[in-house]
Amino acid sequence: QSHLVESGGGSVQPGDSLTLSCVGSGFRFGHYIMFWYRQVPGKGREFVAEITSLDGTRYADSVNGRFVISRDIDRKTMFLQMNNLKPDDTAVYYCRANVDMQTYWGQGTQVTVSE
């Protein structure tokens, strides 16, 4: 059974940086596409970034140029480095993996950006 656990969320001020982590287990880490999504109350989950098995990356327009997705296969960990954070980035952030035609999600980590 595949399992994902996020960490690294917190409360920061606008302009600050934060790095989220997602540790994967139960599957061949690095072999599958993985994603970061985020969700605010009352709305559906919003795509943030993806990293493919060939380390290709793609970002939502709203975070392009400010966020960087990466992963360390040896540590089985995916990262989301978030720079120049804005209040609109406030959300619960989730990691996702598509493994053998099944989708797995982590439990989420809260990021709050406010003065």
C-alpha atoms as a PDB file:
ATOM      1  CA  GLN A   1       0.000   0.000   0.000  1.00  0.00           C
ATOM      2  CA  SER A   2       1.422   3.378  -1.054  1.00  0.00           C
ATOM      3  CA  HIS A   3       1.603   6.095   1.569  1.00  0.00           C
ATOM      4  CA  LEU A   4       2.410   9.811   1.481  1.00  0.00           C
ATOM      5  CA  VAL A   5       3.142  12.107   4.424  1.00  0.00           C
ATOM      6  CA  GLU A   6       3.541  15.868   4.099  1.00  0.00           C
ATOM      7  CA  SER A   7       5.298  18.191   6.520  1.00  0.00           C
ATOM      8  CA  GLY A   8       6.774  21.665   6.687  1.00  0.00           C
ATOM      9  CA  GLY A   9       3.675  23.841   6.767  1.00  0.00           C
ATOM     10  CA  GLY A  10       3.367  26.816   9.068  1.00  0.00           C
ATOM     11  CA  SER A  11       2.463  30.462   9.477  1.00  0.00           C
ATOM     12  CA  VAL A  12       4.624  33.023   7.693  1.00  0.00           C
ATOM     13  CA  GLN A  13       4.488  36.633   6.553  1.00  0.00           C
ATOM     14  CA  PRO A  14       4.129  37.831   2.968  1.00  0.00           C
ATOM     15  CA  GLY A  15       7.447  37.661   1.150  1.00  0.00           C
ATOM     16  CA  ASP A  16       8.743  34.808   3.298  1.00  0.00           C
ATOM     17  CA  SER A  17       9.828  31.394   2.064  1.00  0.00           C
ATOM     18  CA  LEU A  18       8.808  27.916   3.178  1.00  0.00           C
ATOM     19  CA  THR A  19       9.702  24.414   2.013  1.00  0.00           C
ATOM     20  CA  LEU A  20       7.227  21.549   2.160  1.00  0.00           C
ATOM     21  CA  SER A  21       8.245  17.890   2.159  1.00  0.00           C
ATOM     22  CA  CYS A  22       6.388  14.756   1.112  1.00  0.00           C
ATOM     23  CA  VAL A  23       7.797  11.375   2.077  1.00  0.00           C
ATOM     24  CA  GLY A  24       6.602   8.415   0.039  1.00  0.00           C
ATOM     25  CA  SER A  25       6.588   4.731   0.905  1.00  0.00           C
ATOM     26  CA  GLY A  26       5.230   1.520  -0.538  1.00  0.00           C
ATOM     27  CA  PHE A  27       6.109   2.303  -4.143  1.00  0.00           C
ATOM     28  CA  ARG A  28       9.154   2.802  -6.324  1.00  0.00           C
ATOM     29  CA  PHE A  29       9.801   6.468  -5.579  1.00  0.00           C
ATOM     30  CA  GLY A  30      10.880   8.430  -8.646  1.00  0.00           C
ATOM     31  CA  HIS A  31       9.240   5.992 -11.027  1.00  0.00           C
ATOM     32  CA  TYR A  32       5.914   7.805 -11.085  1.00  0.00           C
ATOM     33  CA  ILE A  33       4.637  11.311 -11.664  1.00  0.00           C
ATOM     34  CA  MET A  34       3.985  13.244  -8.450  1.00  0.00           C
ATOM     35  CA  PHE A  35       2.151  16.458  -7.730  1.00  0.00           C
ATOM     36  CA  TRP A  36       1.483  19.214  -5.241  1.00  0.00           C
ATOM     37  CA  TYR A  37      -2.070  20.494  -4.890  1.00  0.00           C
ATOM     38  CA  ARG A  38      -3.643  22.970  -2.501  1.00  0.00           C
ATOM     39  CA  GLN A  39      -7.131  23.593  -1.176  1.00  0.00           C
ATOM     40  CA  VAL A  40      -8.901  26.409   0.607  1.00  0.00           C
ATOM     41  CA  PRO A  41     -12.189  25.971   2.479  1.00  0.00           C
ATOM     42  CA  GLY A  42     -15.184  25.786   0.170  1.00  0.00           C
ATOM     43  CA  LYS A  43     -13.161  25.135  -2.974  1.00  0.00           C
ATOM     44  CA  GLY A  44     -11.817  22.094  -4.781  1.00  0.00           C
ATOM     45  CA  ARG A  45      -8.192  21.075  -4.810  1.00  0.00           C
ATOM     46  CA  GLU A  46      -6.084  23.245  -7.101  1.00  0.00           C
ATOM     47  CA  PHE A  47      -3.075  22.006  -9.075  1.00  0.00           C
ATOM     48  CA  VAL A  48       0.188  23.656  -7.988  1.00  0.00           C
ATOM     49  CA  ALA A  49       3.082  21.721  -9.532  1.00  0.00           C
ATOM     50  CA  GLU A  50       4.125  18.344 -10.919  1.00  0.00           C
ATOM     51  CA  ILE A  51       7.334  16.429 -11.425  1.00  0.00           C
ATOM     52  CA  THR A  52       7.529  13.522 -13.853  1.00  0.00           C
ATOM     53  CA  SER A  53       9.587  10.343 -13.741  1.00  0.00           C
ATOM     54  CA  LEU A  54      12.047  12.089 -16.064  1.00  0.00           C
ATOM     55  CA  ASP A  55      12.184  15.129 -13.739  1.00  0.00           C
ATOM     56  CA  GLY A  56      10.147  17.289 -16.057  1.00  0.00           C
ATOM     57  CA  THR A  57       8.282  19.987 -14.157  1.00  0.00           C
ATOM     58  CA  ARG A  58       5.151  22.067 -14.673  1.00  0.00           C
ATOM     59  CA  TYR A  59       3.605  24.794 -12.556  1.00  0.00           C
ATOM     60  CA  ALA A  60       0.331  26.606 -12.163  1.00  0.00           C
ATOM     61  CA  ASP A  61       0.515  30.134 -13.530  1.00  0.00           C
ATOM     62  CA  SER A  62      -0.155  31.532 -10.074  1.00  0.00           C
ATOM     63  CA  VAL A  63       3.066  30.052  -8.636  1.00  0.00           C
ATOM     64  CA  ASN A  64       5.330  29.886 -11.691  1.00  0.00           C
ATOM     65  CA  GLY A  65       8.584  31.686 -10.942  1.00  0.00           C
ATOM     66  CA  ARG A  66       8.048  31.569  -7.168  1.00  0.00           C
ATOM     67  CA  PHE A  67       7.728  27.838  -6.356  1.00  0.00           C
ATOM     68  CA  VAL A  68      10.153  25.051  -7.195  1.00  0.00           C
ATOM     69  CA  ILE A  69       9.271  21.350  -7.136  1.00  0.00           C
ATOM     70  CA  SER A  70      12.034  18.788  -6.700  1.00  0.00           C
ATOM     71  CA  ARG A  71      12.702  15.384  -5.214  1.00  0.00           C
ATOM     72  CA  ASP A  72      15.417  13.293  -3.620  1.00  0.00           C
ATOM     73  CA  ILE A  73      14.945   9.689  -4.711  1.00  0.00           C
ATOM     74  CA  ASP A  74      17.397   8.300  -2.159  1.00  0.00           C
ATOM     75  CA  ARG A  75      15.405   9.963   0.646  1.00  0.00           C
ATOM     76  CA  LYS A  76      12.067   9.125  -1.044  1.00  0.00           C
ATOM     77  CA  THR A  77      11.078  12.738  -0.521  1.00  0.00           C
ATOM     78  CA  MET A  78       9.486  15.334  -2.780  1.00  0.00           C
ATOM     79  CA  PHE A  79       9.836  19.032  -1.974  1.00  0.00           C
ATOM     80  CA  LEU A  80       8.025  22.244  -2.747  1.00  0.00           C
ATOM     81  CA  GLN A  81      10.160  25.308  -2.168  1.00  0.00           C
ATOM     82  CA  MET A  82       7.863  28.307  -1.918  1.00  0.00           C
ATOM     83  CA  ASN A  83       9.366  31.774  -2.249  1.00  0.00           C
ATOM     84  CA  ASN A  84       7.865  35.241  -2.056  1.00  0.00           C
ATOM     85  CA  LEU A  85       4.736  33.861  -0.437  1.00  0.00           C
ATOM     86  CA  LYS A  86       1.497  35.798  -0.755  1.00  0.00           C
ATOM     87  CA  PRO A  87      -1.709  35.743   1.300  1.00  0.00           C
ATOM     88  CA  ASP A  88      -3.427  34.005  -1.643  1.00  0.00           C
ATOM     89  CA  ASP A  89      -1.048  31.076  -1.140  1.00  0.00           C
ATOM     90  CA  THR A  90      -2.791  30.292   2.146  1.00  0.00           C
ATOM     91  CA  ALA A  91      -4.195  26.760   1.864  1.00  0.00           C
ATOM     92  CA  VAL A  92      -3.802  23.156   2.893  1.00  0.00           C
ATOM     93  CA  TYR A  93      -1.121  21.673   0.656  1.00  0.00           C
ATOM     94  CA  TYR A  94      -1.344  18.023  -0.429  1.00  0.00           C
ATOM     95  CA  CYS A  95       1.030  15.771  -2.279  1.00  0.00           C
ATOM     96  CA  ARG A  96      -0.282  13.229  -4.729  1.00  0.00           C
ATOM     97  CA  ALA A  97       1.191  10.247  -6.544  1.00  0.00           C
ATOM     98  CA  ASN A  98      -0.245   8.279  -9.452  1.00  0.00           C
ATOM     99  CA  VAL A  99       0.971   4.728  -8.907  1.00  0.00           C
ATOM    100  CA  ASP A 100      -0.092   1.930 -11.255  1.00  0.00           C
ATOM    101  CA  MET A 101      -3.364   3.608 -12.236  1.00  0.00           C
ATOM    102  CA  GLN A 102      -4.223   4.446  -8.628  1.00  0.00           C
ATOM    103  CA  THR A 103      -4.101   7.865  -7.031  1.00  0.00           C
ATOM    104  CA  TYR A 104      -2.727   8.399  -3.537  1.00  0.00           C
ATOM    105  CA  TRP A 105      -2.909  11.554  -1.425  1.00  0.00           C
ATOM    106  CA  GLY A 106      -1.195  12.678   1.721  1.00  0.00           C
ATOM    107  CA  GLN A 107      -3.051  14.066   4.714  1.00  0.00           C
ATOM    108  CA  GLY A 108      -2.120  17.683   3.948  1.00  0.00           C
ATOM    109  CA  THR A 109      -0.142  20.415   5.676  1.00  0.00           C
ATOM    110  CA  GLN A 110      -1.455  23.909   6.421  1.00  0.00           C
ATOM    111  CA  VAL A 111       0.303  26.984   5.047  1.00  0.00           C
ATOM    112  CA  THR A 112      -0.884  30.372   6.287  1.00  0.00           C
ATOM    113  CA  VAL A 113       0.478  33.624   4.894  1.00  0.00           C
ATOM    114  CA  SER A 114      -0.573  36.777   6.761  1.00  0.00           C
ATOM    115  CA  GLU A 115       0.791  39.982   8.254  1.00  0.00           C
END
